[in-house]
Amino acid sequence: MAKRDYYEVLGVEKGVDAADLKKAYRRVAMKYHPDRNPDDPKAEEKFKEANEAYEVLSDDQKRAAYDRFGHAGVDGQAGGGGGAGYSNFSDIFGDVFGDIFGGGGGRRGGPTRGSDLRYNLELNLEDAVKGTTTQIKVPTLVSCKTCDGSGAKAGSKPVTCTTCGGHGQVRMQQGFFSVQQTCPNCRGRGTIIADPCKTCHGQGRVEETKTLQVKVPAGVDTGDRIRLSGEGEAGEAGGPPGDLYVQVHVREHAIFKREGADLYCEVPIDFVDAALGGELEVPTLDGRVKLKVPAETQTGKLFKLRGKGVTPVRGGGVGDLLCRVVVETPVNLTNKQKEMLRDFQASMKGGKFSPKQSSWLDGVKKFFND
């Protein structure tokens, strides 16, 4: 009986890649496996045919010979049904679930990278804007110096786990289902420490508080992170350490408020300086500067001091300092001062000294008349 084309058997095109070839084989093998078709002798023949096709096409050399010479190029090389090693239906299920969940029988033990850590660092505005170097203390897990992270006592070493044979995984059989899970004896490492280190008790890591210097660049703001490579937790079984991420939080300032590269502050002035004009001393992060206030200045007026803001950590031009004027009403007046204010108020009647008030009153009158 003439053999069918192997590509036709698996339902794939000639240029199919290895991954799609394997998927196609699984589909055909599961469809015609004898365990699923006990009363169909033709199913067993098709299952063996699929095995033979996959054994040839999954091997680069055999596939090249088959593509060039057909069946004549591989006759005698195909195993006739044992190609993929799936002797029963549970083997196929085990391989399928293994690929999905990462349990394909590969060794799970060995070094693993340590966890990343986060440290919350609070800064005042001055240090955040100008940059600083600060010292922090971080509790973490470090590699045990006594055993160099192996967990085994000096002069000994971990031995292969007899439960999983060093794979770190065991297979549980339930009917025709086969599920792989982490070995309960070695917890996935593949090795057992028979004689543990007395310092770390076989863990390979010990708790320690590290003191680190953190260089804070100028211009950082709340939410920025500084990465310290390799300063996280030590890895297991000699694996590389994780990283430490320093999370920046800038405390509220008594005078300034930051918005991006700009700084804002409120400057209270008395109503005489607001009316007649004057000169004020204004604080900046670089010291005090003089600010000229023109006559007839109203509350809410913004004065911009260029270049007195923040240089952003990610680059860009330096920001400005914006000073918002707040005209302050005098308090704790003496009787004489109150009388002087009443005389002053009386002298203003009939004049256009308060344009905003006059405009507002006109609007109120129009509202009620309408």
Protein backbone atom coordinates (compact mmCIF):
# COMPACT_ATOMS: atom_id res chain seq x y z
CA MET A 1 0.00 0.00 0.00
CA ALA A 2 1.41 3.36 -1.04
CA LYS A 3 2.21 5.77 1.79
CA ARG A 4 0.44 9.10 1.99
CA ASP A 5 2.37 12.35 1.87
CA TYR A 6 3.56 13.19 5.38
CA TYR A 7 2.48 16.82 5.11
CA GLU A 8 -0.98 15.65 4.02
CA VAL A 9 -1.13 13.25 7.00
CA LEU A 10 -0.61 16.12 9.45
CA GLY A 11 -2.65 18.63 7.46
CA VAL A 12 0.12 21.21 7.02
CA GLU A 13 1.89 22.99 4.18
CA LYS A 14 5.43 22.09 3.12
CA GLY A 15 7.04 25.21 4.61
CA VAL A 16 5.45 24.85 8.07
CA ASP A 17 7.61 25.84 11.06
CA ALA A 18 8.41 23.58 14.01
CA ALA A 19 5.84 25.09 16.38
CA ASP A 20 2.91 24.77 13.96
CA LEU A 21 4.08 21.30 12.97
CA LYS A 22 3.95 20.19 16.60
CA LYS A 23 0.47 21.66 17.09
CA ALA A 24 -0.79 19.89 13.97
CA TYR A 25 0.69 16.58 15.14
CA ARG A 26 -0.93 16.90 18.57
CA ARG A 27 -4.28 17.58 16.99
CA VAL A 28 -4.11 14.49 14.76
CA ALA A 29 -2.60 12.27 17.47
CA MET A 30 -5.27 13.18 20.00
CA LYS A 31 -8.00 12.61 17.42
CA TYR A 32 -6.85 9.09 16.46
CA HIS A 33 -5.21 7.86 19.64
CA PRO A 34 -6.23 4.22 20.39
CA ASP A 35 -7.15 5.15 23.99
CA ARG A 36 -9.86 7.38 22.63
CA ASN A 37 -10.93 5.00 19.87
CA PRO A 38 -10.80 1.48 21.38
CA ASP A 39 -13.31 0.04 18.87
CA ASP A 40 -11.84 1.56 15.71
CA PRO A 41 -8.83 -0.34 14.24
CA LYS A 42 -8.40 2.29 11.52
CA ALA A 43 -7.79 4.96 14.18
CA GLU A 44 -4.71 3.07 15.43
CA GLU A 45 -3.33 2.94 11.86
CA LYS A 46 -3.85 6.69 11.42
CA PHE A 47 -2.24 7.35 14.81
CA LYS A 48 0.86 5.36 13.79
CA GLU A 49 0.88 7.13 10.44
CA ALA A 50 0.84 10.54 12.20
CA ASN A 51 3.64 9.41 14.52
CA GLU A 52 5.76 8.33 11.57
CA ALA A 53 5.09 11.59 9.70
CA TYR A 54 5.99 13.72 12.71
CA GLU A 55 9.16 11.71 13.45
CA VAL A 56 10.46 12.49 9.97
CA LEU A 57 9.30 16.09 9.62
CA SER A 58 10.43 17.13 13.11
CA ASP A 59 14.00 16.05 12.32
CA ASP A 60 15.77 18.63 10.13
CA GLN A 61 17.99 16.08 8.33
CA LYS A 62 15.19 13.57 7.70
CA ARG A 63 12.88 16.36 6.58
CA ALA A 64 15.45 17.63 4.07
CA ALA A 65 15.87 14.11 2.65
CA TYR A 66 12.11 13.62 2.46
CA ASP A 67 11.57 16.99 0.74
CA ARG A 68 14.18 16.02 -1.89
CA PHE A 69 13.55 12.31 -2.49
CA GLY A 70 10.15 11.63 -0.94
CA HIS A 71 9.57 8.39 0.97
CA ALA A 72 12.58 6.82 -0.74
CA GLY A 73 14.87 9.24 1.08
CA VAL A 74 13.69 8.19 4.55
CA ASP A 75 12.58 4.58 4.20
CA GLY A 76 14.01 2.56 7.05
CA GLN A 77 14.65 5.68 9.16
CA ALA A 78 11.12 6.21 10.48
CA GLY A 79 10.25 4.34 13.63
CA GLY A 80 6.75 3.41 12.52
CA GLY A 81 4.82 4.85 15.39
CA GLY A 82 7.09 5.85 18.24
CA GLY A 83 8.35 9.13 16.93
CA ALA A 84 7.10 11.62 19.46
CA GLY A 85 7.25 9.33 22.45
CA TYR A 86 3.54 9.58 23.25
CA SER A 87 2.86 5.99 24.27
CA ASN A 88 -0.51 6.84 25.81
CA PHE A 89 -3.09 9.59 25.79
CA SER A 90 -1.96 11.01 29.13
CA ASP A 91 1.47 11.79 27.64
CA ILE A 92 -0.14 14.08 25.09
CA PHE A 93 -2.17 15.83 27.78
CA GLY A 94 0.92 16.21 29.93
CA ASP A 95 2.83 17.83 27.10
CA VAL A 96 -0.04 20.17 26.18
CA PHE A 97 -0.58 21.43 29.73
CA GLY A 98 3.16 21.57 30.28
CA ASP A 99 3.61 24.04 27.42
CA ILE A 100 0.76 26.22 28.67
CA PHE A 101 1.73 26.35 32.34
CA GLY A 102 5.49 26.00 32.02
CA GLY A 103 5.65 22.43 33.26
CA GLY A 104 7.06 20.69 30.20
CA GLY A 105 9.34 18.47 32.24
CA GLY A 106 12.30 20.84 32.15
CA ARG A 107 14.39 21.28 35.24
CA ARG A 108 12.87 23.89 37.55
CA GLY A 109 15.73 24.04 40.05
CA GLY A 110 18.87 26.15 39.86
CA PRO A 111 19.60 29.81 40.49
CA THR A 112 16.72 32.28 40.45
CA ARG A 113 16.88 36.07 40.44
CA GLY A 114 16.16 37.85 43.71
CA SER A 115 13.10 40.04 44.25
CA ASP A 116 13.12 43.77 43.55
CA LEU A 117 12.63 46.07 46.54
CA ARG A 118 11.11 49.53 46.97
CA TYR A 119 12.15 52.21 49.44
CA ASN A 120 10.05 55.35 50.01
CA LEU A 121 12.32 58.39 50.31
CA GLU A 122 10.93 61.70 51.61
CA LEU A 123 12.72 64.88 50.58
CA ASN A 124 12.22 68.56 51.27
CA LEU A 125 11.71 70.80 48.25
CA GLU A 126 15.19 72.33 48.42
CA ASP A 127 16.94 68.93 48.19
CA ALA A 128 14.61 67.77 45.42
CA VAL A 129 15.30 70.89 43.34
CA LYS A 130 19.06 71.14 43.91
CA GLY A 131 19.90 67.44 44.32
CA THR A 132 21.53 65.75 47.29
CA THR A 133 23.20 62.59 48.55
CA THR A 134 21.45 60.81 51.37
CA GLN A 135 21.96 57.64 53.37
CA ILE A 136 19.23 55.02 53.70
CA LYS A 137 18.91 51.74 55.59
CA VAL A 138 17.17 48.88 53.82
CA PRO A 139 16.22 45.54 55.43
CA THR A 140 16.76 42.78 52.87
CA LEU A 141 17.94 39.21 52.22
CA VAL A 142 21.61 38.85 51.35
CA SER A 143 23.60 35.83 50.24
CA CYS A 144 24.93 33.80 53.18
CA LYS A 145 28.68 34.34 53.41
CA THR A 146 29.25 31.12 55.33
CA CYS A 147 28.04 28.86 52.50
CA ASP A 148 28.28 31.32 49.56
CA GLY A 149 24.54 31.07 49.09
CA SER A 150 24.43 27.30 48.51
CA GLY A 151 22.63 26.54 51.78
CA ALA A 152 24.89 23.54 52.38
CA LYS A 153 27.38 23.14 55.20
CA ALA A 154 31.04 23.76 54.32
CA GLY A 155 32.52 20.66 52.70
CA SER A 156 29.15 19.36 51.51
CA LYS A 157 26.87 20.19 48.61
CA PRO A 158 23.20 19.73 47.67
CA VAL A 159 22.23 16.28 46.37
CA THR A 160 19.74 15.35 43.67
CA CYS A 161 16.17 15.00 44.89
CA THR A 162 15.13 11.35 44.76
CA THR A 163 11.43 12.20 44.47
CA CYS A 164 11.63 14.09 41.18
CA GLY A 165 15.03 12.90 39.98
CA GLY A 166 16.34 16.45 39.89
CA HIS A 167 13.61 17.84 37.58
CA GLY A 168 11.83 19.86 40.25
CA GLN A 169 8.50 18.53 38.91
CA VAL A 170 6.46 15.39 39.56
CA ARG A 171 3.66 13.93 37.43
CA MET A 172 0.34 12.99 39.01
CA GLN A 173 -1.72 10.42 37.10
CA GLN A 174 -5.53 10.46 37.32
CA GLY A 175 -7.16 8.20 34.74
CA PHE A 176 -5.92 9.32 31.35
CA PHE A 177 -5.08 12.80 32.71
CA SER A 178 -1.49 13.53 33.68
CA VAL A 179 -0.74 16.78 35.52
CA GLN A 180 2.70 18.05 36.45
CA GLN A 181 3.25 19.98 39.66
CA THR A 182 6.10 21.29 41.77
CA CYS A 183 7.92 18.57 43.65
CA PRO A 184 6.75 18.69 47.30
CA ASN A 185 10.04 17.29 48.55
CA CYS A 186 12.50 19.80 47.05
CA ARG A 187 9.94 22.56 46.27
CA GLY A 188 10.99 22.73 42.65
CA ARG A 189 14.74 23.09 43.21
CA GLY A 190 15.62 19.59 42.06
CA THR A 191 18.11 19.23 44.91
CA ILE A 192 17.96 18.51 48.62
CA ILE A 193 20.34 19.91 51.25
CA ALA A 194 21.16 16.94 53.46
CA ASP A 195 23.57 18.85 55.72
CA PRO A 196 22.36 22.49 55.94
CA CYS A 197 24.50 25.50 56.75
CA LYS A 198 24.09 26.49 60.40
CA THR A 199 24.14 30.21 59.64
CA CYS A 200 21.29 30.31 57.12
CA HIS A 201 19.69 26.94 58.04
CA GLY A 202 19.85 25.78 54.44
CA GLN A 203 18.16 28.85 52.94
CA GLY A 204 21.29 30.27 51.34
CA ARG A 205 20.19 33.77 52.40
CA VAL A 206 20.10 35.70 55.68
CA GLU A 207 18.31 38.88 56.76
CA GLU A 208 20.44 41.98 56.96
CA THR A 209 19.97 45.75 57.06
CA LYS A 210 22.10 47.41 54.40
CA THR A 211 23.22 51.03 54.60
CA LEU A 212 23.32 52.62 51.14
CA GLN A 213 24.23 56.01 49.72
CA VAL A 214 21.62 57.37 47.32
CA LYS A 215 22.58 60.14 44.93
CA VAL A 216 19.45 62.17 44.23
CA PRO A 217 19.74 64.12 40.96
CA ALA A 218 18.60 67.73 40.82
CA GLY A 219 15.03 68.33 39.69
CA VAL A 220 13.34 65.14 40.93
CA ASP A 221 9.68 65.31 41.89
CA THR A 222 7.11 63.16 43.66
CA GLY A 223 6.62 59.89 41.76
CA ASP A 224 10.14 59.72 40.32
CA ARG A 225 12.11 56.51 40.93
CA ILE A 226 15.85 56.03 41.35
CA ARG A 227 17.06 52.53 40.46
CA LEU A 228 19.95 50.98 42.38
CA SER A 229 20.95 47.97 40.31
CA GLY A 230 21.75 44.80 42.26
CA GLU A 231 20.72 46.22 45.63
CA GLY A 232 17.51 44.18 45.96
CA GLU A 233 17.16 40.75 47.55
CA ALA A 234 19.83 38.15 46.88
CA GLY A 235 18.80 35.41 44.45
CA GLU A 236 18.18 31.83 45.48
CA ALA A 237 20.82 29.12 44.90
CA GLY A 238 23.41 31.74 43.95
CA GLY A 239 21.14 33.58 41.52
CA PRO A 240 21.66 37.29 40.74
CA PRO A 241 20.17 39.88 43.12
CA GLY A 242 17.17 42.02 42.29
CA ASP A 243 17.17 45.82 42.10
CA LEU A 244 16.21 48.48 44.64
CA TYR A 245 13.83 51.22 43.49
CA VAL A 246 13.90 54.39 45.57
CA GLN A 247 10.49 56.07 45.30
CA VAL A 248 10.69 59.85 45.75
CA HIS A 249 8.09 61.84 47.70
CA VAL A 250 8.58 65.59 48.11
CA ARG A 251 7.10 67.08 51.28
CA GLU A 252 4.85 70.14 51.12
CA HIS A 253 6.75 73.42 51.49
CA ALA A 254 5.69 76.23 53.80
CA ILE A 255 6.11 78.90 51.09
CA PHE A 256 6.44 77.36 47.62
CA LYS A 257 4.26 75.05 45.58
CA ARG A 258 5.73 73.25 42.58
CA GLU A 259 3.94 72.67 39.29
CA GLY A 260 6.25 71.07 36.76
CA ALA A 261 9.26 73.31 36.29
CA ASP A 262 7.59 76.37 37.87
CA LEU A 263 7.31 77.41 41.50
CA TYR A 264 4.39 79.42 42.92
CA CYS A 265 4.08 81.46 46.09
CA GLU A 266 1.65 83.97 47.59
CA VAL A 267 2.95 87.39 48.64
CA PRO A 268 0.72 89.35 51.07
CA ILE A 269 0.95 93.15 50.83
CA ASP A 270 -0.90 95.89 52.69
CA PHE A 271 -3.46 98.00 50.86
CA VAL A 272 -1.26 101.13 51.00
CA ASP A 273 1.54 99.44 49.03
CA ALA A 274 -1.08 98.00 46.70
CA ALA A 275 -2.56 101.45 46.09
CA LEU A 276 0.62 103.57 45.95
CA GLY A 277 3.16 100.97 44.84
CA GLY A 278 6.28 99.88 46.64
CA GLU A 279 9.14 97.42 46.81
CA LEU A 280 9.00 94.02 48.50
CA GLU A 281 11.54 91.37 49.47
CA VAL A 282 10.54 88.01 48.00
CA PRO A 283 12.14 84.66 48.97
CA THR A 284 13.50 82.28 46.32
CA LEU A 285 15.38 78.99 46.64
CA ASP A 286 18.56 80.94 45.83
CA GLY A 287 18.01 83.73 48.34
CA ARG A 288 15.99 86.95 48.55
CA VAL A 289 15.20 89.26 45.62
CA LYS A 290 13.52 92.66 45.35
CA LEU A 291 10.11 92.85 43.70
CA LYS A 292 8.70 96.15 42.53
CA VAL A 293 4.94 96.44 42.99
CA PRO A 294 3.34 99.10 40.75
CA ALA A 295 0.58 101.39 42.03
CA GLU A 296 -3.03 100.19 41.88
CA THR A 297 -2.05 96.49 42.11
CA GLN A 298 -5.02 94.18 42.72
CA THR A 299 -5.25 90.82 44.51
CA GLY A 300 -4.38 87.94 42.18
CA LYS A 301 -1.78 89.84 40.15
CA LEU A 302 1.04 87.47 39.11
CA PHE A 303 4.66 88.62 39.00
CA LYS A 304 7.08 86.34 37.17
CA LEU A 305 10.70 85.97 38.26
CA ARG A 306 12.38 84.26 35.31
CA GLY A 307 14.82 81.43 35.93
CA LYS A 308 13.98 81.14 39.62
CA GLY A 309 12.09 77.85 39.26
CA VAL A 310 13.29 74.26 38.74
CA THR A 311 15.51 72.58 36.16
CA PRO A 312 13.63 69.30 35.40
CA VAL A 313 15.54 66.07 35.99
CA ARG A 314 14.70 64.85 32.49
CA GLY A 315 16.01 67.97 30.82
CA GLY A 316 14.40 71.13 29.49
CA GLY A 317 14.59 74.79 30.34
CA VAL A 318 14.64 76.08 33.89
CA GLY A 319 11.24 77.17 35.19
CA ASP A 320 10.10 80.45 36.73
CA LEU A 321 8.91 81.65 40.13
CA LEU A 322 5.42 83.13 39.96
CA CYS A 323 4.42 85.37 42.87
CA ARG A 324 0.70 85.95 43.41
CA VAL A 325 -0.13 89.15 45.25
CA VAL A 326 -2.75 89.05 48.00
CA VAL A 327 -3.88 92.43 49.33
CA GLU A 328 -4.37 92.03 53.07
CA THR A 329 -7.09 93.80 55.05
CA PRO A 330 -5.66 95.45 58.19
CA VAL A 331 -6.74 94.08 61.58
CA ASN A 332 -6.53 95.21 65.22
CA LEU A 333 -7.08 98.88 64.29
CA THR A 334 -7.16 101.61 66.95
CA ASN A 335 -10.12 103.97 67.23
CA LYS A 336 -8.06 106.75 65.65
CA GLN A 337 -7.12 104.51 62.69
CA LYS A 338 -10.74 103.49 62.20
CA GLU A 339 -11.80 107.14 62.19
CA MET A 340 -9.12 107.96 59.63
CA LEU A 341 -10.38 105.13 57.40
CA ARG A 342 -13.95 106.42 57.62
CA ASP A 343 -12.76 109.91 56.62
CA PHE A 344 -10.79 108.32 53.77
CA GLN A 345 -13.87 106.38 52.65
CA ALA A 346 -16.01 109.49 52.74
CA SER A 347 -13.49 111.34 50.57
CA MET A 348 -13.84 108.68 47.87
CA LYS A 349 -17.59 109.02 47.39
CA GLY A 350 -18.61 110.14 43.94
CA GLY A 351 -15.24 109.29 42.40
CA LYS A 352 -14.19 106.40 40.16
CA PHE A 353 -11.75 104.85 42.57
CA SER A 354 -13.11 101.27 42.50
CA PRO A 355 -13.84 100.32 38.87
CA LYS A 356 -14.41 96.62 39.61
CA GLN A 357 -16.87 97.40 42.37
CA SER A 358 -18.75 99.88 40.19
CA SER A 359 -18.89 97.38 37.32
CA TRP A 360 -20.14 94.65 39.66
CA LEU A 361 -22.88 96.90 41.12
CA ASP A 362 -24.01 97.84 37.61
CA GLY A 363 -24.27 94.13 36.77
CA VAL A 364 -26.35 93.46 39.88
CA LYS A 365 -28.75 96.28 39.03
CA LYS A 366 -29.16 94.98 35.48
CA PHE A 367 -29.80 91.45 36.77
CA PHE A 368 -32.67 92.55 39.00
CA ASN A 369 -34.12 94.95 36.41
CA ASP A 370 -34.25 92.16 33.84
